[in-house]
Amino acid sequence: QKIPEEYEALKNRLTEILESPKLENSRLETEIAILTDKLDVTEECVRFKSHTDMFINLMDSDELVGRKLNFLLQEMNREVNTIGAKANCAEISHRAVFMKEEIEKIREQVQNVE
């Protein structure tokens, strides 16, 4: 639902830049790079998935994993914070808050794991 609105906003911004009488290729490249970096959360999602997979594997382990699980939860929280900060969409921001709440609940449970 929100994606078409975001797409239109980006398209309008790009049109504004392209119609600028003093457009320089380097400025256009810089603007595109900045917009892309600001909105792309692919890297954070990949890392979050990696942390989640490792967390699940550790839960199945017979070794002492409490500290490792806690560390992974910190990393998961960091990724969710970044995703929330990059979000230019209220729904994504709300989901990030929900995820942080769930991570905190899991962290409380992990405190009881050695």
N, C-alpha and C. Protein backbone atom coordinates (compact mmCIF):
# COMPACT_ATOMS: atom_id res chain seq x y z
N GLN A 1 0.82 -1.18 0.00
CA GLN A 1 0.00 0.00 0.00
C GLN A 1 0.87 1.25 0.00
N LYS A 2 1.86 1.27 0.84
CA LYS A 2 2.69 2.45 1.00
C LYS A 2 3.74 2.56 -0.11
N ILE A 3 4.13 1.43 -0.69
CA ILE A 3 5.19 1.42 -1.68
C ILE A 3 4.89 2.34 -2.87
N PRO A 4 3.68 2.32 -3.46
CA PRO A 4 3.42 3.23 -4.58
C PRO A 4 3.62 4.70 -4.21
N GLU A 5 3.25 5.09 -3.00
CA GLU A 5 3.45 6.47 -2.56
C GLU A 5 4.93 6.79 -2.45
N GLU A 6 5.71 5.87 -1.91
CA GLU A 6 7.15 6.07 -1.79
C GLU A 6 7.78 6.14 -3.17
N TYR A 7 7.32 5.27 -4.07
CA TYR A 7 7.83 5.26 -5.43
C TYR A 7 7.57 6.61 -6.10
N GLU A 8 6.35 7.13 -5.94
CA GLU A 8 6.00 8.42 -6.54
C GLU A 8 6.87 9.55 -5.97
N ALA A 9 7.08 9.52 -4.67
CA ALA A 9 7.91 10.56 -4.05
C ALA A 9 9.33 10.51 -4.59
N LEU A 10 9.89 9.32 -4.72
CA LEU A 10 11.24 9.18 -5.27
C LEU A 10 11.28 9.60 -6.73
N LYS A 11 10.25 9.21 -7.48
CA LYS A 11 10.19 9.57 -8.89
C LYS A 11 10.12 11.08 -9.05
N ASN A 12 9.33 11.74 -8.21
CA ASN A 12 9.22 13.20 -8.27
C ASN A 12 10.55 13.86 -7.94
N ARG A 13 11.24 13.32 -6.94
CA ARG A 13 12.54 13.88 -6.55
C ARG A 13 13.55 13.71 -7.68
N LEU A 14 13.55 12.55 -8.33
CA LEU A 14 14.47 12.30 -9.43
C LEU A 14 14.14 13.20 -10.62
N THR A 15 12.86 13.39 -10.90
CA THR A 15 12.44 14.28 -11.99
C THR A 15 12.91 15.70 -11.71
N GLU A 16 12.77 16.12 -10.47
CA GLU A 16 13.22 17.46 -10.06
C GLU A 16 14.72 17.62 -10.31
N ILE A 17 15.48 16.61 -9.96
CA ILE A 17 16.93 16.66 -10.15
C ILE A 17 17.27 16.68 -11.63
N LEU A 18 16.60 15.82 -12.41
CA LEU A 18 16.89 15.72 -13.84
C LEU A 18 16.53 17.00 -14.59
N GLU A 19 15.53 17.72 -14.12
CA GLU A 19 15.10 18.95 -14.79
C GLU A 19 15.89 20.17 -14.34
N SER A 20 16.79 19.98 -13.41
CA SER A 20 17.61 21.08 -12.92
C SER A 20 18.48 21.61 -14.06
N PRO A 21 18.49 22.94 -14.26
CA PRO A 21 19.28 23.50 -15.37
C PRO A 21 20.79 23.30 -15.18
N LYS A 22 21.22 23.11 -13.98
CA LYS A 22 22.66 22.97 -13.71
C LYS A 22 23.02 21.54 -13.34
N LEU A 23 22.32 20.58 -13.95
CA LEU A 23 22.56 19.18 -13.62
C LEU A 23 23.94 18.74 -14.08
N GLU A 24 24.65 18.16 -13.17
CA GLU A 24 25.96 17.58 -13.47
C GLU A 24 25.86 16.09 -13.23
N ASN A 25 26.53 15.32 -14.08
CA ASN A 25 26.49 13.86 -13.93
C ASN A 25 26.95 13.42 -12.55
N SER A 26 27.97 14.06 -12.03
CA SER A 26 28.49 13.65 -10.72
C SER A 26 27.44 13.90 -9.63
N ARG A 27 26.70 15.01 -9.75
CA ARG A 27 25.65 15.30 -8.76
C ARG A 27 24.53 14.27 -8.85
N LEU A 28 24.14 13.92 -10.08
CA LEU A 28 23.10 12.92 -10.27
C LEU A 28 23.53 11.59 -9.67
N GLU A 29 24.75 11.18 -9.96
CA GLU A 29 25.26 9.92 -9.42
C GLU A 29 25.29 9.96 -7.90
N THR A 30 25.69 11.08 -7.34
CA THR A 30 25.74 11.23 -5.89
C THR A 30 24.33 11.15 -5.29
N GLU A 31 23.37 11.85 -5.89
CA GLU A 31 21.99 11.83 -5.40
C GLU A 31 21.41 10.42 -5.45
N ILE A 32 21.65 9.71 -6.55
CA ILE A 32 21.14 8.35 -6.69
C ILE A 32 21.77 7.44 -5.65
N ALA A 33 23.08 7.57 -5.45
CA ALA A 33 23.76 6.75 -4.46
C ALA A 33 23.23 7.02 -3.06
N ILE A 34 23.00 8.28 -2.74
CA ILE A 34 22.49 8.64 -1.41
C ILE A 34 21.08 8.07 -1.21
N LEU A 35 20.21 8.26 -2.20
CA LEU A 35 18.85 7.74 -2.09
C LEU A 35 18.83 6.23 -1.96
N THR A 36 19.65 5.58 -2.77
CA THR A 36 19.71 4.12 -2.73
C THR A 36 20.18 3.64 -1.37
N ASP A 37 21.23 4.24 -0.86
CA ASP A 37 21.77 3.82 0.43
C ASP A 37 20.79 4.10 1.57
N LYS A 38 20.11 5.22 1.51
CA LYS A 38 19.17 5.58 2.56
C LYS A 38 17.99 4.64 2.65
N LEU A 39 17.59 4.08 1.52
CA LEU A 39 16.37 3.27 1.50
C LEU A 39 16.61 1.77 1.49
N ASP A 40 17.78 1.34 1.11
CA ASP A 40 18.04 -0.09 0.95
C ASP A 40 18.34 -0.74 2.30
N VAL A 41 17.53 -1.72 2.66
CA VAL A 41 17.73 -2.44 3.92
C VAL A 41 18.08 -3.91 3.66
N THR A 42 18.46 -4.21 2.43
CA THR A 42 18.79 -5.59 2.07
C THR A 42 19.89 -6.16 2.96
N GLU A 43 20.95 -5.40 3.13
CA GLU A 43 22.09 -5.87 3.93
C GLU A 43 21.66 -6.17 5.37
N GLU A 44 20.85 -5.29 5.94
CA GLU A 44 20.39 -5.49 7.31
C GLU A 44 19.49 -6.73 7.41
N CYS A 45 18.65 -6.94 6.41
CA CYS A 45 17.77 -8.12 6.41
C CYS A 45 18.57 -9.41 6.28
N VAL A 46 19.60 -9.39 5.45
CA VAL A 46 20.46 -10.57 5.29
C VAL A 46 21.17 -10.88 6.60
N ARG A 47 21.71 -9.85 7.25
CA ARG A 47 22.40 -10.07 8.52
C ARG A 47 21.43 -10.54 9.59
N PHE A 48 20.23 -9.96 9.63
CA PHE A 48 19.23 -10.38 10.61
C PHE A 48 18.89 -11.85 10.42
N LYS A 49 18.70 -12.27 9.18
CA LYS A 49 18.41 -13.68 8.89
C LYS A 49 19.56 -14.57 9.33
N SER A 50 20.78 -14.13 9.09
CA SER A 50 21.96 -14.89 9.51
C SER A 50 21.99 -15.04 11.03
N HIS A 51 21.73 -13.95 11.74
CA HIS A 51 21.70 -14.00 13.21
C HIS A 51 20.59 -14.93 13.70
N THR A 52 19.45 -14.88 13.04
CA THR A 52 18.32 -15.74 13.42
C THR A 52 18.67 -17.21 13.22
N ASP A 53 19.28 -17.52 12.09
CA ASP A 53 19.69 -18.91 11.82
C ASP A 53 20.69 -19.40 12.87
N MET A 54 21.66 -18.54 13.19
CA MET A 54 22.66 -18.92 14.19
C MET A 54 22.00 -19.10 15.56
N PHE A 55 21.06 -18.22 15.89
CA PHE A 55 20.33 -18.31 17.15
C PHE A 55 19.62 -19.66 17.26
N ILE A 56 18.93 -20.05 16.21
CA ILE A 56 18.20 -21.33 16.20
C ILE A 56 19.18 -22.50 16.35
N ASN A 57 20.30 -22.44 15.65
CA ASN A 57 21.30 -23.50 15.76
C ASN A 57 21.85 -23.60 17.18
N LEU A 58 22.10 -22.46 17.80
CA LEU A 58 22.61 -22.46 19.17
C LEU A 58 21.58 -23.04 20.14
N MET A 59 20.31 -22.76 19.89
CA MET A 59 19.26 -23.29 20.77
C MET A 59 19.24 -24.81 20.74
N ASP A 60 19.64 -25.40 19.63
CA ASP A 60 19.68 -26.86 19.50
C ASP A 60 20.99 -27.45 20.02
N SER A 61 21.90 -26.60 20.44
CA SER A 61 23.22 -27.04 20.88
C SER A 61 23.19 -27.55 22.31
N ASP A 62 24.14 -28.43 22.62
CA ASP A 62 24.27 -28.96 23.98
C ASP A 62 25.26 -28.15 24.82
N GLU A 63 25.94 -27.21 24.20
CA GLU A 63 26.93 -26.42 24.94
C GLU A 63 26.27 -25.24 25.66
N LEU A 64 27.05 -24.56 26.49
CA LEU A 64 26.56 -23.37 27.19
C LEU A 64 26.46 -22.22 26.18
N VAL A 65 25.27 -21.69 26.02
CA VAL A 65 25.06 -20.73 24.94
C VAL A 65 24.44 -19.40 25.38
N GLY A 66 24.21 -19.23 26.65
CA GLY A 66 23.53 -18.03 27.14
C GLY A 66 24.15 -16.73 26.65
N ARG A 67 25.45 -16.59 26.80
CA ARG A 67 26.12 -15.35 26.38
C ARG A 67 26.08 -15.17 24.87
N LYS A 68 26.27 -16.27 24.15
CA LYS A 68 26.22 -16.19 22.69
C LYS A 68 24.83 -15.76 22.23
N LEU A 69 23.80 -16.32 22.85
CA LEU A 69 22.43 -15.95 22.48
C LEU A 69 22.18 -14.47 22.78
N ASN A 70 22.66 -14.02 23.92
CA ASN A 70 22.49 -12.62 24.29
C ASN A 70 23.20 -11.70 23.29
N PHE A 71 24.40 -12.09 22.90
CA PHE A 71 25.15 -11.31 21.91
C PHE A 71 24.38 -11.25 20.59
N LEU A 72 23.86 -12.39 20.15
CA LEU A 72 23.09 -12.42 18.89
C LEU A 72 21.85 -11.55 18.97
N LEU A 73 21.21 -11.53 20.13
CA LEU A 73 20.04 -10.67 20.31
C LEU A 73 20.42 -9.20 20.20
N GLN A 74 21.59 -8.85 20.72
CA GLN A 74 22.07 -7.47 20.58
C GLN A 74 22.27 -7.12 19.11
N GLU A 75 22.85 -8.06 18.36
CA GLU A 75 23.06 -7.83 16.94
C GLU A 75 21.74 -7.74 16.18
N MET A 76 20.79 -8.59 16.54
CA MET A 76 19.47 -8.54 15.91
C MET A 76 18.81 -7.18 16.18
N ASN A 77 18.91 -6.73 17.40
CA ASN A 77 18.34 -5.44 17.78
C ASN A 77 18.99 -4.31 16.99
N ARG A 78 20.29 -4.39 16.80
CA ARG A 78 21.03 -3.38 16.03
C ARG A 78 20.51 -3.34 14.59
N GLU A 79 20.31 -4.51 13.99
CA GLU A 79 19.81 -4.56 12.60
C GLU A 79 18.41 -3.98 12.52
N VAL A 80 17.55 -4.32 13.47
CA VAL A 80 16.18 -3.80 13.47
C VAL A 80 16.19 -2.29 13.67
N ASN A 81 17.07 -1.78 14.52
CA ASN A 81 17.19 -0.33 14.70
C ASN A 81 17.55 0.36 13.39
N THR A 82 18.49 -0.23 12.67
CA THR A 82 18.92 0.36 11.40
C THR A 82 17.78 0.32 10.38
N ILE A 83 17.09 -0.80 10.31
CA ILE A 83 15.95 -0.91 9.39
C ILE A 83 14.90 0.15 9.73
N GLY A 84 14.60 0.28 11.01
CA GLY A 84 13.62 1.28 11.44
C GLY A 84 14.06 2.70 11.13
N ALA A 85 15.35 2.96 11.28
CA ALA A 85 15.88 4.30 11.00
C ALA A 85 15.83 4.61 9.51
N LYS A 86 16.07 3.60 8.69
CA LYS A 86 16.06 3.82 7.24
C LYS A 86 14.65 3.86 6.67
N ALA A 87 13.70 3.34 7.41
CA ALA A 87 12.33 3.24 6.90
C ALA A 87 11.75 4.62 6.65
N ASN A 88 11.18 4.75 5.49
CA ASN A 88 10.49 5.98 5.16
C ASN A 88 9.00 5.67 5.07
N CYS A 89 8.58 4.79 5.97
CA CYS A 89 7.23 4.26 5.91
C CYS A 89 6.79 3.93 7.34
N ALA A 90 5.62 4.41 7.71
CA ALA A 90 5.14 4.20 9.07
C ALA A 90 4.95 2.73 9.40
N GLU A 91 4.47 1.95 8.43
CA GLU A 91 4.23 0.53 8.69
C GLU A 91 5.54 -0.20 9.03
N ILE A 92 6.58 0.10 8.30
CA ILE A 92 7.87 -0.54 8.58
C ILE A 92 8.38 -0.10 9.94
N SER A 93 8.22 1.17 10.25
CA SER A 93 8.64 1.66 11.57
C SER A 93 7.88 0.96 12.69
N HIS A 94 6.58 0.77 12.51
CA HIS A 94 5.78 0.07 13.53
C HIS A 94 6.23 -1.38 13.67
N ARG A 95 6.52 -2.01 12.56
CA ARG A 95 6.99 -3.40 12.62
C ARG A 95 8.35 -3.49 13.30
N ALA A 96 9.18 -2.51 13.07
CA ALA A 96 10.49 -2.49 13.73
C ALA A 96 10.32 -2.38 15.24
N VAL A 97 9.40 -1.54 15.68
CA VAL A 97 9.13 -1.41 17.13
C VAL A 97 8.63 -2.74 17.68
N PHE A 98 7.72 -3.39 16.96
CA PHE A 98 7.21 -4.69 17.39
C PHE A 98 8.35 -5.71 17.50
N MET A 99 9.23 -5.73 16.51
CA MET A 99 10.35 -6.67 16.53
C MET A 99 11.27 -6.40 17.72
N LYS A 100 11.50 -5.13 18.02
CA LYS A 100 12.35 -4.79 19.16
C LYS A 100 11.70 -5.26 20.47
N GLU A 101 10.39 -5.13 20.56
CA GLU A 101 9.69 -5.63 21.75
C GLU A 101 9.84 -7.13 21.89
N GLU A 102 9.71 -7.85 20.78
CA GLU A 102 9.84 -9.30 20.80
C GLU A 102 11.28 -9.73 21.13
N ILE A 103 12.24 -9.01 20.59
CA ILE A 103 13.64 -9.31 20.90
C ILE A 103 13.88 -9.12 22.40
N GLU A 104 13.30 -8.08 22.97
CA GLU A 104 13.47 -7.84 24.41
C GLU A 104 12.83 -8.95 25.23
N LYS A 105 11.68 -9.46 24.80
CA LYS A 105 11.05 -10.59 25.50
C LYS A 105 11.95 -11.82 25.45
N ILE A 106 12.53 -12.06 24.29
CA ILE A 106 13.43 -13.21 24.14
C ILE A 106 14.66 -13.01 25.02
N ARG A 107 15.17 -11.78 25.05
CA ARG A 107 16.35 -11.50 25.88
C ARG A 107 16.07 -11.82 27.35
N GLU A 108 14.88 -11.49 27.83
CA GLU A 108 14.51 -11.81 29.21
C GLU A 108 14.53 -13.32 29.44
N GLN A 109 14.08 -14.08 28.48
CA GLN A 109 14.10 -15.54 28.60
C GLN A 109 15.53 -16.09 28.55
N VAL A 110 16.36 -15.48 27.72
CA VAL A 110 17.74 -15.94 27.57
C VAL A 110 18.53 -15.73 28.86
N GLN A 111 18.13 -14.77 29.67
CA GLN A 111 18.82 -14.53 30.94
C GLN A 111 18.79 -15.77 31.83
N ASN A 112 17.83 -16.66 31.59
CA ASN A 112 17.71 -17.89 32.37
C ASN A 112 18.46 -19.06 31.75
N VAL A 113 19.14 -18.82 30.64
CA VAL A 113 19.87 -19.89 29.94
C VAL A 113 21.35 -19.72 30.24
N GLU A 114 22.01 -20.83 30.52
CA GLU A 114 23.46 -20.77 30.78
C GLU A 114 24.23 -20.86 29.49
